[in-house]
Amino acid sequence: MPQVQEGSFLTLHYRMTGPQGQTIIDTFEQGQPATLSLGAGELSPAIEQRLLGLEEGTHTVIELAAGEAFGERQPEMQQWVARKLLNQLGDPHEQYAVGDVVQFPTPGGLGTYAGAVREVRADGAVLFDFNHPLAGQPVRFELQLIGVL
């Protein structure tokens, strides 16, 4: 049976749930398995490490401790962004509310990254949290390994 190794191309169903059992993503429900390449950054390094050596056909659950899947929460990843800059980056009439997730362009402009609104000041400045939403949280990762190339 083929086994997962560095650089393997995988076809799998997976369900990731957060600390209260809330479903983050579930390809079992969607009926369409995921295909991904190990080492391409599509899964967290901690999850990829746990996949190494698994045989095609395996159905298992990986429990990741708080902070293991997406790192610890980092206070410096929370930053105030001035309203003037937000107006330059997007719609000047945009209203931000706590809980909103906003996409920002990467410095090179080739990609985006997300920040969650934590607080909005009277002057319009917004406190964004750029930590992964599951940083510092335990994660449960159930998978069924359909194919390994």
Protein backbone atom coordinates (compact mmCIF):
# COMPACT_ATOMS: atom_id res chain seq x y z
CA MET A 1 0.00 0.00 0.00
CA PRO A 2 1.32 3.48 -0.83
CA GLN A 3 2.31 5.54 2.21
CA VAL A 4 2.29 9.31 2.70
CA GLN A 5 5.74 10.85 2.39
CA GLU A 6 7.20 14.33 1.84
CA GLY A 7 5.83 15.70 -1.45
CA SER A 8 3.05 13.09 -1.74
CA PHE A 9 -0.03 14.09 -3.69
CA LEU A 10 -3.10 13.17 -1.60
CA THR A 11 -6.78 12.66 -2.24
CA LEU A 12 -8.67 12.64 1.03
CA HIS A 13 -11.82 13.50 2.87
CA TYR A 14 -11.31 15.48 6.05
CA ARG A 15 -13.24 17.21 8.78
CA MET A 16 -11.59 19.79 11.00
CA THR A 17 -13.36 20.84 14.18
CA GLY A 18 -12.46 23.47 16.74
CA PRO A 19 -12.41 23.37 20.54
CA GLN A 20 -16.22 23.34 21.01
CA GLY A 21 -16.68 20.74 18.28
CA GLN A 22 -17.70 23.38 15.72
CA THR A 23 -16.99 22.28 12.15
CA ILE A 24 -14.40 24.44 10.37
CA ILE A 25 -14.30 22.48 7.13
CA ASP A 26 -15.89 19.18 6.14
CA THR A 27 -15.31 17.53 2.75
CA PHE A 28 -17.26 14.43 3.90
CA GLU A 29 -20.43 16.59 3.94
CA GLN A 30 -19.62 18.22 0.61
CA GLY A 31 -19.16 14.82 -1.01
CA GLN A 32 -16.11 16.08 -2.92
CA PRO A 33 -12.72 14.92 -1.58
CA ALA A 34 -9.81 17.35 -1.37
CA THR A 35 -6.62 16.94 -3.37
CA LEU A 36 -3.45 18.49 -2.07
CA SER A 37 0.29 18.22 -2.20
CA LEU A 38 2.15 17.60 1.05
CA GLY A 39 4.63 20.40 1.73
CA ALA A 40 2.78 23.00 -0.37
CA GLY A 41 1.43 24.79 2.71
CA GLU A 42 -2.18 23.74 2.21
CA LEU A 43 -2.28 22.14 5.67
CA SER A 44 -0.52 23.23 8.83
CA PRO A 45 2.97 21.69 9.26
CA ALA A 46 1.79 19.92 12.44
CA ILE A 47 -0.99 18.14 10.53
CA GLU A 48 1.34 17.29 7.64
CA GLN A 49 3.83 15.72 10.09
CA ARG A 50 1.08 13.48 11.50
CA LEU A 51 0.12 12.31 7.99
CA LEU A 52 3.62 11.02 7.16
CA GLY A 53 3.69 7.23 7.04
CA LEU A 54 -0.08 6.74 6.89
CA GLU A 55 -1.22 4.15 4.36
CA GLU A 56 -3.72 4.72 1.58
CA GLY A 57 -7.18 3.76 2.85
CA THR A 58 -6.51 4.90 6.44
CA HIS A 59 -9.42 6.50 8.31
CA THR A 60 -8.17 8.15 11.50
CA VAL A 61 -8.52 11.09 13.86
CA ILE A 62 -5.63 13.39 14.76
CA GLU A 63 -6.01 15.41 17.97
CA LEU A 64 -3.82 18.51 18.03
CA ALA A 65 -3.15 20.28 21.33
CA ALA A 66 -3.85 23.99 21.84
CA GLY A 67 -1.49 25.97 19.61
CA GLU A 68 -0.08 22.92 17.82
CA ALA A 69 -2.07 23.23 14.58
CA PHE A 70 -1.96 26.99 14.00
CA GLY A 71 0.54 28.26 16.56
CA GLU A 72 0.02 30.21 19.75
CA ARG A 73 -1.84 33.51 19.78
CA GLN A 74 0.64 36.35 19.39
CA PRO A 75 -0.32 39.71 20.93
CA GLU A 76 1.80 41.58 18.36
CA MET A 77 -0.49 40.18 15.64
CA GLN A 78 -3.21 42.54 16.89
CA GLN A 79 -2.74 45.97 15.32
CA TRP A 80 -4.59 49.25 15.06
CA VAL A 81 -5.15 50.41 11.48
CA ALA A 82 -5.96 54.10 10.91
CA ARG A 83 -9.17 54.95 9.09
CA LYS A 84 -7.17 56.92 6.51
CA LEU A 85 -5.24 53.77 5.53
CA LEU A 86 -8.43 51.67 5.43
CA ASN A 87 -9.96 54.27 3.08
CA GLN A 88 -6.92 53.98 0.78
CA LEU A 89 -7.06 50.17 0.77
CA GLY A 90 -10.80 49.80 0.19
CA ASP A 91 -14.19 51.46 0.20
CA PRO A 92 -14.05 54.77 2.16
CA HIS A 93 -17.71 54.26 3.16
CA GLU A 94 -17.14 50.77 4.58
CA GLN A 95 -18.47 50.34 8.12
CA TYR A 96 -16.49 47.91 10.27
CA ALA A 97 -18.06 45.90 13.08
CA VAL A 98 -16.56 43.59 15.70
CA GLY A 99 -16.34 40.08 14.24
CA ASP A 100 -15.99 41.18 10.61
CA VAL A 101 -13.17 39.50 8.68
CA VAL A 102 -11.41 41.82 6.24
CA GLN A 103 -9.02 40.83 3.44
CA PHE A 104 -5.86 42.91 3.04
CA PRO A 105 -3.44 42.83 0.08
CA THR A 106 0.01 41.43 0.79
CA PRO A 107 2.87 43.95 0.44
CA GLY A 108 3.69 42.60 -3.04
CA GLY A 109 0.03 42.73 -4.00
CA LEU A 110 0.01 39.11 -5.22
CA GLY A 111 -2.08 37.69 -2.39
CA THR A 112 -4.26 38.55 0.56
CA TYR A 113 -4.36 37.92 4.27
CA ALA A 114 -7.24 38.25 6.68
CA GLY A 115 -7.75 40.25 9.85
CA ALA A 116 -10.70 39.99 12.24
CA VAL A 117 -12.13 43.22 13.67
CA ARG A 118 -11.76 43.28 17.48
CA GLU A 119 -12.57 46.93 18.25
CA VAL A 120 -13.56 50.15 16.45
CA ARG A 121 -12.57 53.54 17.93
CA ALA A 122 -14.58 56.75 17.69
CA ASP A 123 -11.93 58.21 15.33
CA GLY A 124 -12.57 55.31 12.92
CA ALA A 125 -9.36 53.37 13.67
CA VAL A 126 -9.91 49.61 13.76
CA LEU A 127 -8.12 46.99 15.89
CA PHE A 128 -7.50 43.94 13.70
CA ASP A 129 -6.40 40.52 14.91
CA PHE A 130 -4.20 38.88 12.27
CA ASN A 131 -3.74 35.66 14.25
CA HIS A 132 -5.25 32.56 12.64
CA PRO A 133 -8.76 32.17 14.14
CA LEU A 134 -7.70 28.81 15.59
CA ALA A 135 -4.32 30.00 16.95
CA GLY A 136 -3.93 28.79 20.52
CA GLN A 137 -6.89 26.41 20.14
CA PRO A 138 -7.03 22.60 20.15
CA VAL A 139 -8.10 21.13 16.80
CA ARG A 140 -9.51 17.72 15.84
CA PHE A 141 -8.68 16.54 12.32
CA GLU A 142 -10.51 13.46 11.03
CA LEU A 143 -9.39 12.08 7.70
CA GLN A 144 -10.00 9.29 5.24
CA LEU A 145 -7.00 8.83 2.95
CA ILE A 146 -8.43 7.86 -0.45
CA GLY A 147 -5.31 8.03 -2.60
CA VAL A 148 -1.55 8.61 -2.27
CA LEU A 149 0.64 9.38 -5.28
